Every structure is written in C-alpha cells, then in structure tokens.
Amino acid sequence: MDTTPHQIVNPLTLADPVGFSHALVVTPGKVVHIGGQIARRSDGVVAGDGVVQQFDRALGNVVEALRAAGAVPEHVVDMRIYTTAMRSYRVSSNTIGSVYRRHMGRYYPPMTVVGVTELMEPEALVEIVCTAVVPDVRDAAELDEDDETREMLESIEESSGPGVTASPGTEDPGDLRERSPA
C-alpha cells in the first residue's frame, strides 16, 4: 500500500478488505471535496464506450482535480463510485483494479461502489466523487516532535535503570492523550 498521512484501520474482526479499507483516521488538514467526475474530456464530450474506459477517464479527472486543489491521491479519505453498468463493472473488476492502481497507486481508502439507474449525463456509465484531506504541515511537524520527545523520554527511562521515577509533574505524552478533559 502506498504511504498516506492518514491511518488506515482494518479490524481483524471484519473480513479482509480487497480494493478498499474499512476505516481511516484522518490527519488534521485542509479538506478538499471533489465533485462528481465522469469521463468528460476537456472539450466537454463524454469519452469511452465501456465502463473500463469511462472509469479510466473519470478517475484521471479526479486525480487532475485533486492536483489542482493541492492534493495527491494519497490524501483521499473516501471515494464513492456510481455506475449505471454494475454487471459490466463486476465482470471487469480486475481490469478496473489495474486502472485504479495506475492512477492511485496501491492506496485504498474507504470506498463504495453503487449501482444506479442513471446519472445526470445520459452517456455517462461511471461517476466518481471523493474527499481528500491535505495534512497541515504544522500538525505534521508537531507529530514528529511528539515522536522525537517520546523516543528521548524512553531512552532516558531505559538508561536510568529500575527504581528511577519521573520528576513530579512529568508524564508520558501518551498518557495525556488518553485523558479526557476535566
């Protein structure tokens, strides 16, 4: 799976996900909503005769919209795929998976495929909607500092040996996160 700043959660109590994740914990940042993308070329014409060709063009449009908004595929936190050709989508799922990986890599956020009777554009067989979160650089730096501080504290505790306790008022940063506000 490609790296993502978000935490993928796939509980062992659920069936192994194939081509998606069960849940994702979002890193704080800028939210980007990508409106429904179909297989429309820049000249406005819907391109592609089949579900695979239209999926390819629609997902390419999603990635283009992400980049224009300052996001990349790894920032996607959920994806919804609507199709009027569910049977063809199922039959072509291996090929669609290859097309997906070409655009998105091996990163699989939570996603849903929904069969619908029609889309707004009559020629469209596929429409893709997603949300992305671009991590806040400041939050990422703070997380790195927390990791460095934690590692330093663990190193000090290990080198101090048994019987040594922390100074009054000092706590493990992990303990602070678990505590509910008073």
Protein backbone atom coordinates (compact mmCIF):
# COMPACT_ATOMS: atom_id res chain seq x y z
CA MET A 1 0.00 0.00 0.00
CA ASP A 2 1.33 3.45 -0.84
CA THR A 3 2.05 5.71 2.08
CA THR A 4 -0.61 8.08 3.32
CA PRO A 5 -0.53 10.62 6.12
CA HIS A 6 -3.81 9.12 7.36
CA GLN A 7 -4.19 5.99 9.50
CA ILE A 8 -5.81 3.03 7.73
CA VAL A 9 -7.91 0.87 10.09
CA ASN A 10 -8.87 -2.67 9.09
CA PRO A 11 -10.18 -4.54 12.16
CA LEU A 12 -9.23 -8.21 12.38
CA THR A 13 -12.85 -8.96 13.28
CA LEU A 14 -14.01 -7.93 9.77
CA ALA A 15 -13.34 -9.75 6.51
CA ASP A 16 -10.13 -8.75 4.75
CA PRO A 17 -10.86 -5.76 2.52
CA VAL A 18 -9.99 -6.16 -1.14
CA GLY A 19 -9.51 -2.92 -3.05
CA PHE A 20 -10.68 -0.70 -0.18
CA SER A 21 -10.16 -0.07 3.55
CA HIS A 22 -12.78 -0.48 6.27
CA ALA A 23 -11.95 2.79 8.03
CA LEU A 24 -9.49 5.65 8.05
CA VAL A 25 -8.49 8.11 10.76
CA VAL A 26 -7.88 11.48 9.16
CA THR A 27 -4.83 13.61 9.95
CA PRO A 28 -5.84 17.25 10.55
CA GLY A 29 -5.56 19.44 7.49
CA LYS A 30 -7.28 21.15 4.57
CA VAL A 31 -10.41 19.34 3.33
CA VAL A 32 -10.85 19.04 -0.43
CA HIS A 33 -14.17 17.85 -1.87
CA ILE A 34 -14.07 16.59 -5.45
CA GLY A 35 -17.43 16.84 -7.19
CA GLY A 36 -18.73 14.03 -9.37
CA GLN A 37 -16.27 13.34 -12.17
CA ILE A 38 -17.36 11.48 -15.28
CA ALA A 39 -15.46 10.52 -18.42
CA ARG A 40 -15.71 14.05 -19.81
CA ARG A 41 -12.81 15.31 -21.91
CA SER A 42 -11.68 18.94 -21.67
CA ASP A 43 -13.85 19.74 -24.71
CA GLY A 44 -16.95 18.58 -22.79
CA VAL A 45 -17.50 15.33 -24.69
CA VAL A 46 -18.05 12.11 -22.71
CA ALA A 47 -15.41 9.66 -23.93
CA GLY A 48 -15.30 5.87 -23.82
CA ASP A 49 -17.76 3.23 -24.92
CA GLY A 50 -17.40 0.90 -21.96
CA VAL A 51 -17.25 1.03 -18.20
CA VAL A 52 -13.46 0.46 -18.08
CA GLN A 53 -12.68 3.30 -20.50
CA GLN A 54 -15.07 5.64 -18.70
CA PHE A 55 -13.71 4.65 -15.28
CA ASP A 56 -10.19 5.38 -16.55
CA ARG A 57 -11.12 8.86 -17.81
CA ALA A 58 -13.28 9.70 -14.75
CA LEU A 59 -10.55 8.65 -12.28
CA GLY A 60 -7.99 10.61 -14.32
CA ASN A 61 -10.27 13.64 -13.95
CA VAL A 62 -10.46 13.04 -10.18
CA VAL A 63 -6.66 12.99 -9.91
CA GLU A 64 -6.41 16.15 -12.04
CA ALA A 65 -8.92 17.94 -9.80
CA LEU A 66 -7.02 16.75 -6.69
CA ARG A 67 -3.74 18.13 -8.02
CA ALA A 68 -5.34 21.44 -8.98
CA ALA A 69 -6.56 21.73 -5.37
CA GLY A 70 -3.10 20.97 -3.93
CA ALA A 71 -3.81 17.33 -3.06
CA VAL A 72 -2.48 13.98 -4.26
CA PRO A 73 -4.17 10.55 -4.41
CA GLU A 74 -2.73 9.53 -1.02
CA HIS A 75 -4.73 12.37 0.59
CA VAL A 76 -8.09 10.82 -0.42
CA VAL A 77 -10.03 9.79 2.68
CA ASP A 78 -13.12 8.34 0.99
CA MET A 79 -14.34 7.59 -2.52
CA ARG A 80 -17.75 6.83 -3.98
CA ILE A 81 -18.15 5.30 -7.42
CA TYR A 82 -21.56 5.35 -9.07
CA THR A 83 -22.23 3.23 -12.13
CA THR A 84 -25.18 2.52 -14.37
CA ALA A 85 -23.39 -0.63 -15.58
CA MET A 86 -22.90 -2.66 -12.39
CA ARG A 87 -22.81 -6.01 -14.19
CA SER A 88 -20.06 -4.79 -16.55
CA TYR A 89 -18.26 -3.21 -13.58
CA ARG A 90 -18.23 -6.55 -11.74
CA VAL A 91 -17.12 -8.53 -14.80
CA SER A 92 -14.32 -6.00 -15.45
CA SER A 93 -13.26 -5.63 -11.82
CA ASN A 94 -9.71 -6.96 -12.37
CA THR A 95 -9.11 -4.54 -15.24
CA ILE A 96 -10.72 -1.71 -13.28
CA GLY A 97 -8.36 -2.56 -10.40
CA SER A 98 -5.36 -2.19 -12.73
CA VAL A 99 -6.67 1.16 -14.00
CA TYR A 100 -7.26 2.28 -10.40
CA ARG A 101 -3.66 1.42 -9.40
CA ARG A 102 -2.29 3.32 -12.41
CA HIS A 103 -3.97 6.49 -11.14
CA MET A 104 -4.00 5.98 -7.35
CA GLY A 105 -1.16 3.55 -6.66
CA ARG A 106 -1.74 0.83 -4.09
CA TYR A 107 -3.51 3.17 -1.71
CA TYR A 108 -7.07 2.05 -0.99
CA PRO A 109 -9.14 4.46 1.13
CA PRO A 110 -12.62 3.53 2.30
CA MET A 111 -14.74 3.40 -0.84
CA THR A 112 -18.13 2.34 -2.07
CA VAL A 113 -19.38 1.26 -5.50
CA VAL A 114 -23.07 1.93 -6.02
CA GLY A 115 -25.23 0.76 -8.91
CA VAL A 116 -27.66 3.47 -10.04
CA THR A 117 -30.31 3.58 -12.73
CA GLU A 118 -28.99 6.75 -14.33
CA LEU A 119 -26.57 9.63 -13.96
CA MET A 120 -27.11 13.29 -14.82
CA GLU A 121 -25.21 12.91 -18.11
CA PRO A 122 -27.07 10.23 -20.15
CA GLU A 123 -23.86 8.93 -21.84
CA ALA A 124 -22.02 8.52 -18.52
CA LEU A 125 -21.60 4.99 -17.16
CA VAL A 126 -19.41 5.98 -14.20
CA GLU A 127 -19.24 8.95 -11.84
CA ILE A 128 -16.64 9.27 -9.08
CA VAL A 129 -16.85 11.52 -6.02
CA CYS A 130 -14.22 11.78 -3.28
CA THR A 131 -12.97 13.75 -0.33
CA ALA A 132 -9.31 14.37 0.43
CA VAL A 133 -7.53 15.90 3.41
CA VAL A 134 -4.19 17.61 2.77
CA PRO A 135 -2.27 17.39 6.06
CA ASP A 136 -1.43 20.64 7.80
CA VAL A 137 2.37 20.90 7.70
CA ARG A 138 2.39 22.42 11.21
CA ASP A 139 0.41 19.45 12.58
CA ALA A 140 2.80 17.02 10.90
CA ALA A 141 5.80 18.84 12.44
CA GLU A 142 4.16 18.70 15.88
CA LEU A 143 3.54 14.97 15.47
CA ASP A 144 7.21 14.47 14.56
CA GLU A 145 8.25 16.47 17.64
CA ASP A 146 5.97 14.33 19.83
CA ASP A 147 7.58 11.17 18.41
CA GLU A 148 11.07 12.58 18.99
CA THR A 149 10.18 13.65 22.55
CA ARG A 150 8.66 10.25 23.30
CA GLU A 151 11.76 8.46 21.97
CA MET A 152 14.02 10.70 24.05
CA LEU A 153 11.97 10.04 27.20
CA GLU A 154 12.00 6.29 26.56
CA SER A 155 15.77 6.43 26.07
CA ILE A 156 16.23 8.33 29.33
CA GLU A 157 13.96 5.91 31.21
CA GLU A 158 15.82 2.88 29.82
CA SER A 159 19.24 4.32 30.68
CA SER A 160 18.15 5.34 34.21
CA GLY A 161 17.56 1.76 35.21
CA PRO A 162 14.95 0.30 37.58
CA GLY A 163 13.72 2.21 40.57
CA VAL A 164 14.01 5.63 38.95
CA THR A 165 10.75 7.56 38.64
CA ALA A 166 9.89 10.62 36.64
CA SER A 167 10.06 14.02 38.27
CA PRO A 168 6.81 15.29 39.80
CA GLY A 169 4.59 16.87 37.16
CA THR A 170 6.12 14.97 34.23
CA GLU A 171 4.01 12.45 32.39
CA ASP A 172 4.28 10.23 29.36
CA PRO A 173 2.81 12.18 26.39
CA GLY A 174 0.74 9.09 25.59
CA ASP A 175 -0.98 9.38 28.98
CA LEU A 176 -2.05 12.93 28.19
CA ARG A 177 -3.82 11.83 25.02
CA GLU A 178 -5.85 9.19 26.82
CA ARG A 179 -7.15 11.53 29.47
CA SER A 180 -10.50 13.20 28.93
CA PRO A 181 -10.73 16.95 29.51
CA ALA A 182 -11.68 17.95 33.06
